[in-house]
PDB file of N, CA and C in Angstrom:
ATOM      1  N   MET A   1     120.046  87.885 125.566  1.00  0.00           N
ATOM      2  CA  MET A   1     119.688  88.892 124.592  1.00  0.00           C
ATOM      3  C   MET A   1     119.849  88.301 123.195  1.00  0.00           C
ATOM      4  N   ALA A   2     118.962  88.694 122.293  1.00  0.00           N
ATOM      5  CA  ALA A   2     119.035  88.263 120.900  1.00  0.00           C
ATOM      6  C   ALA A   2     118.999  89.489 119.999  1.00  0.00           C
ATOM      7  N   ARG A   3     119.595  89.367 118.851  1.00  0.00           N
ATOM      8  CA  ARG A   3     119.592  90.468 117.888  1.00  0.00           C
ATOM      9  C   ARG A   3     119.078  89.933 116.558  1.00  0.00           C
ATOM     10  N   PHE A   4     118.220  90.700 115.931  1.00  0.00           N
ATOM     11  CA  PHE A   4     117.639  90.336 114.646  1.00  0.00           C
ATOM     12  C   PHE A   4     117.881  91.494 113.698  1.00  0.00           C
ATOM     13  N   THR A   5     118.609  91.257 112.617  1.00  0.00           N
ATOM     14  CA  THR A   5     118.947  92.321 111.682  1.00  0.00           C
ATOM     15  C   THR A   5     118.367  92.003 110.312  1.00  0.00           C
ATOM     16  N   LEU A   6     117.724  92.976 109.717  1.00  0.00           N
ATOM     17  CA  LEU A   6     117.194  92.837 108.365  1.00  0.00           C
ATOM     18  C   LEU A   6     118.006  93.722 107.428  1.00  0.00           C
ATOM     19  N   PRO A   7     118.656  93.150 106.427  1.00  0.00           N
ATOM     20  CA  PRO A   7     119.367  93.995 105.465  1.00  0.00           C
ATOM     21  C   PRO A   7     118.349  94.727 104.596  1.00  0.00           C
ATOM     22  N   ARG A   8     118.621  95.993 104.320  1.00  0.00           N
ATOM     23  CA  ARG A   8     117.667  96.756 103.516  1.00  0.00           C
ATOM     24  C   ARG A   8     118.339  98.000 102.953  1.00  0.00           C
ATOM     25  N   ASP A   9     117.782  98.480 101.870  1.00  0.00           N
ATOM     26  CA  ASP A   9     118.175  99.757 101.293  1.00  0.00           C
ATOM     27  C   ASP A   9     116.920 100.600 101.222  1.00  0.00           C
ATOM     28  N   LEU A  10     117.023 101.837 101.626  1.00  0.00           N
ATOM     29  CA  LEU A  10     115.898 102.760 101.557  1.00  0.00           C
ATOM     30  C   LEU A  10     116.243 103.855 100.562  1.00  0.00           C
ATOM     31  N   TYR A  11     115.372 104.038  99.589  1.00  0.00           N
ATOM     32  CA  TYR A  11     115.544 105.091  98.598  1.00  0.00           C
ATOM     33  C   TYR A  11     114.445 106.119  98.828  1.00  0.00           C
ATOM     34  N   HIS A  12     114.805 107.383  98.852  1.00  0.00           N
ATOM     35  CA  HIS A  12     113.796 108.428  99.013  1.00  0.00           C
ATOM     36  C   HIS A  12     114.315 109.712  98.394  1.00  0.00           C
ATOM     37  N   GLY A  13     113.388 110.625  98.127  1.00  0.00           N
ATOM     38  CA  GLY A  13     113.777 111.914  97.572  1.00  0.00           C
ATOM     39  C   GLY A  13     113.776 111.923  96.052  1.00  0.00           C
ATOM     40  N   LYS A  14     114.261 113.026  95.519  1.00  0.00           N
ATOM     41  CA  LYS A  14     114.276 113.238  94.075  1.00  0.00           C
ATOM     42  C   LYS A  14     115.070 112.127  93.378  1.00  0.00           C
ATOM     43  N   GLY A  15     114.461 111.533  92.369  1.00  0.00           N
ATOM     44  CA  GLY A  15     115.113 110.482  91.599  1.00  0.00           C
ATOM     45  C   GLY A  15     114.961 109.082  92.160  1.00  0.00           C
ATOM     46  N   ALA A  16     114.285 108.949  93.293  1.00  0.00           N
ATOM     47  CA  ALA A  16     114.154 107.629  93.920  1.00  0.00           C
ATOM     48  C   ALA A  16     113.388 106.648  93.031  1.00  0.00           C
ATOM     49  N   LEU A  17     112.306 107.095  92.411  1.00  0.00           N
ATOM     50  CA  LEU A  17     111.547 106.189  91.545  1.00  0.00           C
ATOM     51  C   LEU A  17     112.373 105.766  90.341  1.00  0.00           C
ATOM     52  N   GLU A  18     113.078 106.706  89.733  1.00  0.00           N
ATOM     53  CA  GLU A  18     113.889 106.383  88.556  1.00  0.00           C
ATOM     54  C   GLU A  18     114.993 105.382  88.877  1.00  0.00           C
ATOM     55  N   ALA A  19     115.429 105.334  90.121  1.00  0.00           N
ATOM     56  CA  ALA A  19     116.467 104.375  90.523  1.00  0.00           C
ATOM     57  C   ALA A  19     115.994 102.937  90.324  1.00  0.00           C
ATOM     58  N   LEU A  20     114.675 102.723  90.293  1.00  0.00           N
ATOM     59  CA  LEU A  20     114.143 101.375  90.092  1.00  0.00           C
ATOM     60  C   LEU A  20     114.609 100.783  88.764  1.00  0.00           C
ATOM     61  N   LYS A  21     114.897 101.629  87.785  1.00  0.00           N
ATOM     62  CA  LYS A  21     115.367 101.164  86.475  1.00  0.00           C
ATOM     63  C   LYS A  21     116.704 100.442  86.568  1.00  0.00           C
ATOM     64  N   THR A  22     117.454 100.725  87.611  1.00  0.00           N
ATOM     65  CA  THR A  22     118.808 100.178  87.739  1.00  0.00           C
ATOM     66  C   THR A  22     118.855  98.886  88.550  1.00  0.00           C
ATOM     67  N   PHE A  23     117.735  98.480  89.119  1.00  0.00           N
ATOM     68  CA  PHE A  23     117.704  97.279  89.943  1.00  0.00           C
ATOM     69  C   PHE A  23     117.893  96.040  89.070  1.00  0.00           C
ATOM     70  N   GLU A  24     118.588  95.059  89.602  1.00  0.00           N
ATOM     71  CA  GLU A  24     118.811  93.808  88.886  1.00  0.00           C
ATOM     72  C   GLU A  24     118.053  92.686  89.576  1.00  0.00           C
ATOM     73  N   GLY A  25     117.368  91.893  88.795  1.00  0.00           N
ATOM     74  CA  GLY A  25     116.606  90.779  89.322  1.00  0.00           C
ATOM     75  C   GLY A  25     115.576  90.341  88.308  1.00  0.00           C
ATOM     76  N   LYS A  26     114.798  89.326  88.679  1.00  0.00           N
ATOM     77  CA  LYS A  26     113.784  88.790  87.773  1.00  0.00           C
ATOM     78  C   LYS A  26     112.373  89.218  88.146  1.00  0.00           C
ATOM     79  N   ARG A  27     112.134  89.414  89.449  1.00  0.00           N
ATOM     80  CA  ARG A  27     110.775  89.724  89.909  1.00  0.00           C
ATOM     81  C   ARG A  27     110.803  90.791  90.995  1.00  0.00           C
ATOM     82  N   ALA A  28     109.780  91.642  90.954  1.00  0.00           N
ATOM     83  CA  ALA A  28     109.626  92.655  91.999  1.00  0.00           C
ATOM     84  C   ALA A  28     108.161  92.714  92.401  1.00  0.00           C
ATOM     85  N   MET A  29     107.923  92.836  93.696  1.00  0.00           N
ATOM     86  CA  MET A  29     106.566  93.029  94.191  1.00  0.00           C
ATOM     87  C   MET A  29     106.490  94.411  94.811  1.00  0.00           C
ATOM     88  N   ILE A  30     105.471  95.160  94.399  1.00  0.00           N
ATOM     89  CA  ILE A  30     105.242  96.492  94.944  1.00  0.00           C
ATOM     90  C   ILE A  30     104.106  96.393  95.950  1.00  0.00           C
ATOM     91  N   CYS A  31     104.338  96.884  97.154  1.00  0.00           N
ATOM     92  CA  CYS A  31     103.337  96.876  98.220  1.00  0.00           C
ATOM     93  C   CYS A  31     102.837  98.297  98.425  1.00  0.00           C
ATOM     94  N   VAL A  32     101.528  98.476  98.311  1.00  0.00           N
ATOM     95  CA  VAL A  32     100.938  99.808  98.452  1.00  0.00           C
ATOM     96  C   VAL A  32      99.716  99.766  99.355  1.00  0.00           C
ATOM     97  N   GLY A  33      99.368 100.919  99.881  1.00  0.00           N
ATOM     98  CA  GLY A  33      98.206 101.040 100.751  1.00  0.00           C
ATOM     99  C   GLY A  33      96.962 101.385  99.959  1.00  0.00           C
ATOM    100  N   GLY A  34      96.458 102.581 100.198  1.00  0.00           N
ATOM    101  CA  GLY A  34      95.252 103.046  99.527  1.00  0.00           C
ATOM    102  C   GLY A  34      95.511 103.389  98.078  1.00  0.00           C
ATOM    103  N   GLY A  35      94.693 104.263  97.540  1.00  0.00           N
ATOM    104  CA  GLY A  35      94.784 104.573  96.121  1.00  0.00           C
ATOM    105  C   GLY A  35      95.611 105.781  95.747  1.00  0.00           C
ATOM    106  N   SER A  36      96.199 106.481  96.718  1.00  0.00           N
ATOM    107  CA  SER A  36      96.894 107.734  96.392  1.00  0.00           C
ATOM    108  C   SER A  36      98.114 107.514  95.497  1.00  0.00           C
ATOM    109  N   MET A  37      98.848 106.439  95.678  1.00  0.00           N
ATOM    110  CA  MET A  37     100.019 106.184  94.824  1.00  0.00           C
ATOM    111  C   MET A  37      99.589 105.974  93.375  1.00  0.00           C
ATOM    112  N   LYS A  38      98.436 105.343  93.187  1.00  0.00           N
ATOM    113  CA  LYS A  38      97.875 105.142  91.844  1.00  0.00           C
ATOM    114  C   LYS A  38      97.337 106.462  91.298  1.00  0.00           C
ATOM    115  N   ARG A  39      96.552 107.170  92.115  1.00  0.00           N
ATOM    116  CA  ARG A  39      95.941 108.431  91.662  1.00  0.00           C
ATOM    117  C   ARG A  39      96.969 109.454  91.204  1.00  0.00           C
ATOM    118  N   PHE A  40      98.093 109.525  91.900  1.00  0.00           N
ATOM    119  CA  PHE A  40      99.104 110.525  91.567  1.00  0.00           C
ATOM    120  C   PHE A  40     100.143 110.015  90.568  1.00  0.00           C
ATOM    121  N   GLY A  41      99.978 108.790  90.079  1.00  0.00           N
ATOM    122  CA  GLY A  41     100.833 108.265  89.024  1.00  0.00           C
ATOM    123  C   GLY A  41     102.118 107.594  89.473  1.00  0.00           C
ATOM    124  N   PHE A  42     102.376 107.570  90.779  1.00  0.00           N
ATOM    125  CA  PHE A  42     103.627 106.984  91.264  1.00  0.00           C
ATOM    126  C   PHE A  42     103.679 105.466  91.071  1.00  0.00           C
ATOM    127  N   LEU A  43     102.558 104.801  91.277  1.00  0.00           N
ATOM    128  CA  LEU A  43     102.519 103.348  91.122  1.00  0.00           C
ATOM    129  C   LEU A  43     102.802 102.951  89.677  1.00  0.00           C
ATOM    130  N   ASP A  44     102.149 103.619  88.736  1.00  0.00           N
ATOM    131  CA  ASP A  44     102.368 103.303  87.323  1.00  0.00           C
ATOM    132  C   ASP A  44     103.816 103.554  86.909  1.00  0.00           C
ATOM    133  N   LYS A  45     104.412 104.624  87.427  1.00  0.00           N
ATOM    134  CA  LYS A  45     105.821 104.904  87.123  1.00  0.00           C
ATOM    135  C   LYS A  45     106.717 103.804  87.677  1.00  0.00           C
ATOM    136  N   ALA A  46     106.460 103.388  88.908  1.00  0.00           N
ATOM    137  CA  ALA A  46     107.272 102.340  89.527  1.00  0.00           C
ATOM    138  C   ALA A  46     107.188 101.045  88.724  1.00  0.00           C
ATOM    139  N   VAL A  47     105.979 100.662  88.334  1.00  0.00           N
ATOM    140  CA  VAL A  47     105.792  99.448  87.529  1.00  0.00           C
ATOM    141  C   VAL A  47     106.558  99.576  86.217  1.00  0.00           C
ATOM    142  N   SER A  48     106.430 100.717  85.574  1.00  0.00           N
ATOM    143  CA  SER A  48     107.107 100.956  84.298  1.00  0.00           C
ATOM    144  C   SER A  48     108.623 100.862  84.430  1.00  0.00           C
ATOM    145  N   TYR A  49     109.178 101.487  85.457  1.00  0.00           N
ATOM    146  CA  TYR A  49     110.629 101.467  85.651  1.00  0.00           C
ATOM    147  C   TYR A  49     111.141 100.056  85.937  1.00  0.00           C
ATOM    148  N   LEU A  50     110.405  99.304  86.735  1.00  0.00           N
ATOM    149  CA  LEU A  50     110.825  97.933  87.040  1.00  0.00           C
ATOM    150  C   LEU A  50     110.750  97.046  85.797  1.00  0.00           C
ATOM    151  N   LYS A  51     109.723  97.246  84.982  1.00  0.00           N
ATOM    152  CA  LYS A  51     109.623  96.491  83.731  1.00  0.00           C
ATOM    153  C   LYS A  51     110.748  96.894  82.782  1.00  0.00           C
ATOM    154  N   GLU A  52     111.101  98.172  82.787  1.00  0.00           N
ATOM    155  CA  GLU A  52     112.226  98.644  81.982  1.00  0.00           C
ATOM    156  C   GLU A  52     113.523  97.951  82.411  1.00  0.00           C
ATOM    157  N   ALA A  53     113.615  97.612  83.684  1.00  0.00           N
ATOM    158  CA  ALA A  53     114.781  96.891  84.206  1.00  0.00           C
ATOM    159  C   ALA A  53     114.708  95.399  83.872  1.00  0.00           C
ATOM    160  N   GLY A  54     113.629  94.989  83.183  1.00  0.00           N
ATOM    161  CA  GLY A  54     113.498  93.600  82.756  1.00  0.00           C
ATOM    162  C   GLY A  54     112.823  92.689  83.756  1.00  0.00           C
ATOM    163  N   MET A  55     112.089  93.268  84.693  1.00  0.00           N
ATOM    164  CA  MET A  55     111.467  92.450  85.739  1.00  0.00           C
ATOM    165  C   MET A  55     109.985  92.201  85.499  1.00  0.00           C
ATOM    166  N   GLU A  56     109.545  91.057  85.995  1.00  0.00           N
ATOM    167  CA  GLU A  56     108.123  90.757  86.103  1.00  0.00           C
ATOM    168  C   GLU A  56     107.666  91.448  87.387  1.00  0.00           C
ATOM    169  N   VAL A  57     106.516  92.114  87.333  1.00  0.00           N
ATOM    170  CA  VAL A  57     106.074  92.918  88.476  1.00  0.00           C
ATOM    171  C   VAL A  57     104.678  92.496  88.916  1.00  0.00           C
ATOM    172  N   GLU A  58     104.497  92.374  90.220  1.00  0.00           N
ATOM    173  CA  GLU A  58     103.172  92.177  90.812  1.00  0.00           C
ATOM    174  C   GLU A  58     102.959  93.256  91.851  1.00  0.00           C
ATOM    175  N   VAL A  59     101.696  93.645  92.019  1.00  0.00           N
ATOM    176  CA  VAL A  59     101.339  94.663  93.009  1.00  0.00           C
ATOM    177  C   VAL A  59     100.473  94.012  94.081  1.00  0.00           C
ATOM    178  N   PHE A  60     100.853  94.225  95.337  1.00  0.00           N
ATOM    179  CA  PHE A  60     100.039  93.789  96.473  1.00  0.00           C
ATOM    180  C   PHE A  60      99.504  95.064  97.104  1.00  0.00           C
ATOM    181  N   GLY A  61      98.217  95.307  96.934  1.00  0.00           N
ATOM    182  CA  GLY A  61      97.633  96.572  97.368  1.00  0.00           C
ATOM    183  C   GLY A  61      96.632  96.431  98.489  1.00  0.00           C
ATOM    184  N   GLY A  62      96.139  97.580  98.929  1.00  0.00           N
ATOM    185  CA  GLY A  62      95.124  97.609  99.970  1.00  0.00           C
ATOM    186  C   GLY A  62      95.656  97.403 101.371  1.00  0.00           C
ATOM    187  N   ILE A  63      96.934  97.701 101.576  1.00  0.00           N
ATOM    188  CA  ILE A  63      97.543  97.508 102.892  1.00  0.00           C
ATOM    189  C   ILE A  63      97.158  98.669 103.809  1.00  0.00           C
ATOM    190  N   GLU A  64      96.598  98.356 104.963  1.00  0.00           N
ATOM    191  CA  GLU A  64      96.182  99.384 105.919  1.00  0.00           C
ATOM    192  C   GLU A  64      97.400 100.043 106.571  1.00  0.00           C
ATOM    193  N   SER A  65      97.164 101.210 107.188  1.00  0.00           N
ATOM    194  CA  SER A  65      98.237 101.921 107.898  1.00  0.00           C
ATOM    195  C   SER A  65      98.862 101.056 108.981  1.00  0.00           C
ATOM    196  N   ASP A  66      98.038 100.375 109.724  1.00  0.00           N
ATOM    197  CA  ASP A  66      98.504  99.442 110.753  1.00  0.00           C
ATOM    198  C   ASP A  66      97.939  98.083 110.340  1.00  0.00           C
ATOM    199  N   PRO A  67      98.658  97.351 109.475  1.00  0.00           N
ATOM    200  CA  PRO A  67      98.086  96.154 108.850  1.00  0.00           C
ATOM    201  C   PRO A  67      97.583  95.115 109.845  1.00  0.00           C
ATOM    202  N   SER A  68      96.444  94.545 109.511  1.00  0.00           N
ATOM    203  CA  SER A  68      95.875  93.466 110.318  1.00  0.00           C
ATOM    204  C   SER A  68      96.699  92.196 110.102  1.00  0.00           C
ATOM    205  N   VAL A  69      96.533  91.250 110.996  1.00  0.00           N
ATOM    206  CA  VAL A  69      97.212  89.962 110.863  1.00  0.00           C
ATOM    207  C   VAL A  69      96.780  89.301 109.553  1.00  0.00           C
ATOM    208  N   GLU A  70      95.510  89.442 109.217  1.00  0.00           N
ATOM    209  CA  GLU A  70      94.986  88.857 107.977  1.00  0.00           C
ATOM    210  C   GLU A  70      95.717  89.424 106.755  1.00  0.00           C
ATOM    211  N   THR A  71      95.917  90.744 106.719  1.00  0.00           N
ATOM    212  CA  THR A  71      96.620  91.371 105.599  1.00  0.00           C
ATOM    213  C   THR A  71      98.070  90.908 105.538  1.00  0.00           C
ATOM    214  N   VAL A  72      98.714  90.834 106.687  1.00  0.00           N
ATOM    215  CA  VAL A  72     100.110  90.377 106.740  1.00  0.00           C
ATOM    216  C   VAL A  72     100.216  88.945 106.220  1.00  0.00           C
ATOM    217  N   MET A  73      99.295  88.088 106.605  1.00  0.00           N
ATOM    218  CA  MET A  73      99.321  86.694 106.157  1.00  0.00           C
ATOM    219  C   MET A  73      99.072  86.594 104.650  1.00  0.00           C
ATOM    220  N   LYS A  74      98.152  87.417 104.131  1.00  0.00           N
ATOM    221  CA  LYS A  74      97.909  87.437 102.684  1.00  0.00           C
ATOM    222  C   LYS A  74      99.159  87.906 101.944  1.00  0.00           C
ATOM    223  N   GLY A  75      99.818  88.915 102.494  1.00  0.00           N
ATOM    224  CA  GLY A  75     101.056  89.410 101.893  1.00  0.00           C
ATOM    225  C   GLY A  75     102.144  88.355 101.899  1.00  0.00           C
ATOM    226  N   ALA A  76     102.270  87.647 103.008  1.00  0.00           N
ATOM    227  CA  ALA A  76     103.278  86.588 103.114  1.00  0.00           C
ATOM    228  C   ALA A  76     103.014  85.484 102.094  1.00  0.00           C
ATOM    229  N   GLN A  77     101.754  85.139 101.922  1.00  0.00           N
ATOM    230  CA  GLN A  77     101.393  84.108 100.947  1.00  0.00           C
ATOM    231  C   GLN A  77     101.703  84.584  99.527  1.00  0.00           C
ATOM    232  N   ALA A  78     101.370  85.843  99.231  1.00  0.00           N
ATOM    233  CA  ALA A  78     101.650  86.400  97.903  1.00  0.00           C
ATOM    234  C   ALA A  78     103.154  86.413  97.625  1.00  0.00           C
ATOM    235  N   MET A  79     103.939  86.783  98.628  1.00  0.00           N
ATOM    236  CA  MET A  79     105.404  86.806  98.477  1.00  0.00           C
ATOM    237  C   MET A  79     105.934  85.395  98.238  1.00  0.00           C
ATOM    238  N   SER A  80     105.423  84.450  98.999  1.00  0.00           N
ATOM    239  CA  SER A  80     105.875  83.066  98.882  1.00  0.00           C
ATOM    240  C   SER A  80     105.573  82.503  97.493  1.00  0.00           C
ATOM    241  N   GLN A  81     104.395  82.800  96.974  1.00  0.00           N
ATOM    242  CA  GLN A  81     103.997  82.290  95.664  1.00  0.00           C
ATOM    243  C   GLN A  81     104.767  82.969  94.529  1.00  0.00           C
ATOM    244  N   PHE A  82     104.977  84.282  94.627  1.00  0.00           N
ATOM    245  CA  PHE A  82     105.608  85.037  93.543  1.00  0.00           C
ATOM    246  C   PHE A  82     107.129  84.953  93.593  1.00  0.00           C
ATOM    247  N   GLY A  83     107.701  84.912  94.772  1.00  0.00           N
ATOM    248  CA  GLY A  83     109.150  84.810  94.936  1.00  0.00           C
ATOM    249  C   GLY A  83     109.918  86.011  94.411  1.00  0.00           C
ATOM    250  N   PRO A  84     109.603  87.222  94.897  1.00  0.00           N
ATOM    251  CA  PRO A  84     110.277  88.412  94.369  1.00  0.00           C
ATOM    252  C   PRO A  84     111.738  88.514  94.806  1.00  0.00           C
ATOM    253  N   ASP A  85     112.543  89.095  93.918  1.00  0.00           N
ATOM    254  CA  ASP A  85     113.920  89.444  94.265  1.00  0.00           C
ATOM    255  C   ASP A  85     113.940  90.785  94.994  1.00  0.00           C
ATOM    256  N   TRP A  86     112.957  91.606  94.700  1.00  0.00           N
ATOM    257  CA  TRP A  86     112.834  92.941  95.296  1.00  0.00           C
ATOM    258  C   TRP A  86     111.436  93.131  95.848  1.00  0.00           C
ATOM    259  N   ILE A  87     111.349  93.810  96.984  1.00  0.00           N
ATOM    260  CA  ILE A  87     110.073  94.247  97.543  1.00  0.00           C
ATOM    261  C   ILE A  87     110.141  95.760  97.605  1.00  0.00           C
ATOM    262  N   VAL A  88     109.215  96.402  96.897  1.00  0.00           N
ATOM    263  CA  VAL A  88     109.176  97.864  96.849  1.00  0.00           C
ATOM    264  C   VAL A  88     107.941  98.310  97.616  1.00  0.00           C
ATOM    265  N   ALA A  89     108.136  99.029  98.704  1.00  0.00           N
ATOM    266  CA  ALA A  89     107.023  99.519  99.519  1.00  0.00           C
ATOM    267  C   ALA A  89     106.791 100.983  99.204  1.00  0.00           C
ATOM    268  N   MET A  90     105.546 101.314  98.933  1.00  0.00           N
ATOM    269  CA  MET A  90     105.198 102.697  98.609  1.00  0.00           C
ATOM    270  C   MET A  90     104.081 103.158  99.524  1.00  0.00           C
TER     271      MET A  90
END
């Protein structure tokens, strides 16, 4: 038997986006699916809060509900090139 553990923090609910202002690091990548996060203003708020925390921010968008291998590989390449301290999934 083998065990694989991924350390993670999940933020949700009221005030979750504003918590991004308190994160420490140099770079953050935001991963989003379709356009609803942008349309409703959540993506712009997240970018703003992370920049307020002093971070360089990149957005990796267009992620399908059940991502294809191609999308996963593109995401992995983007992460490798950018080297984020934080990955924010929306």
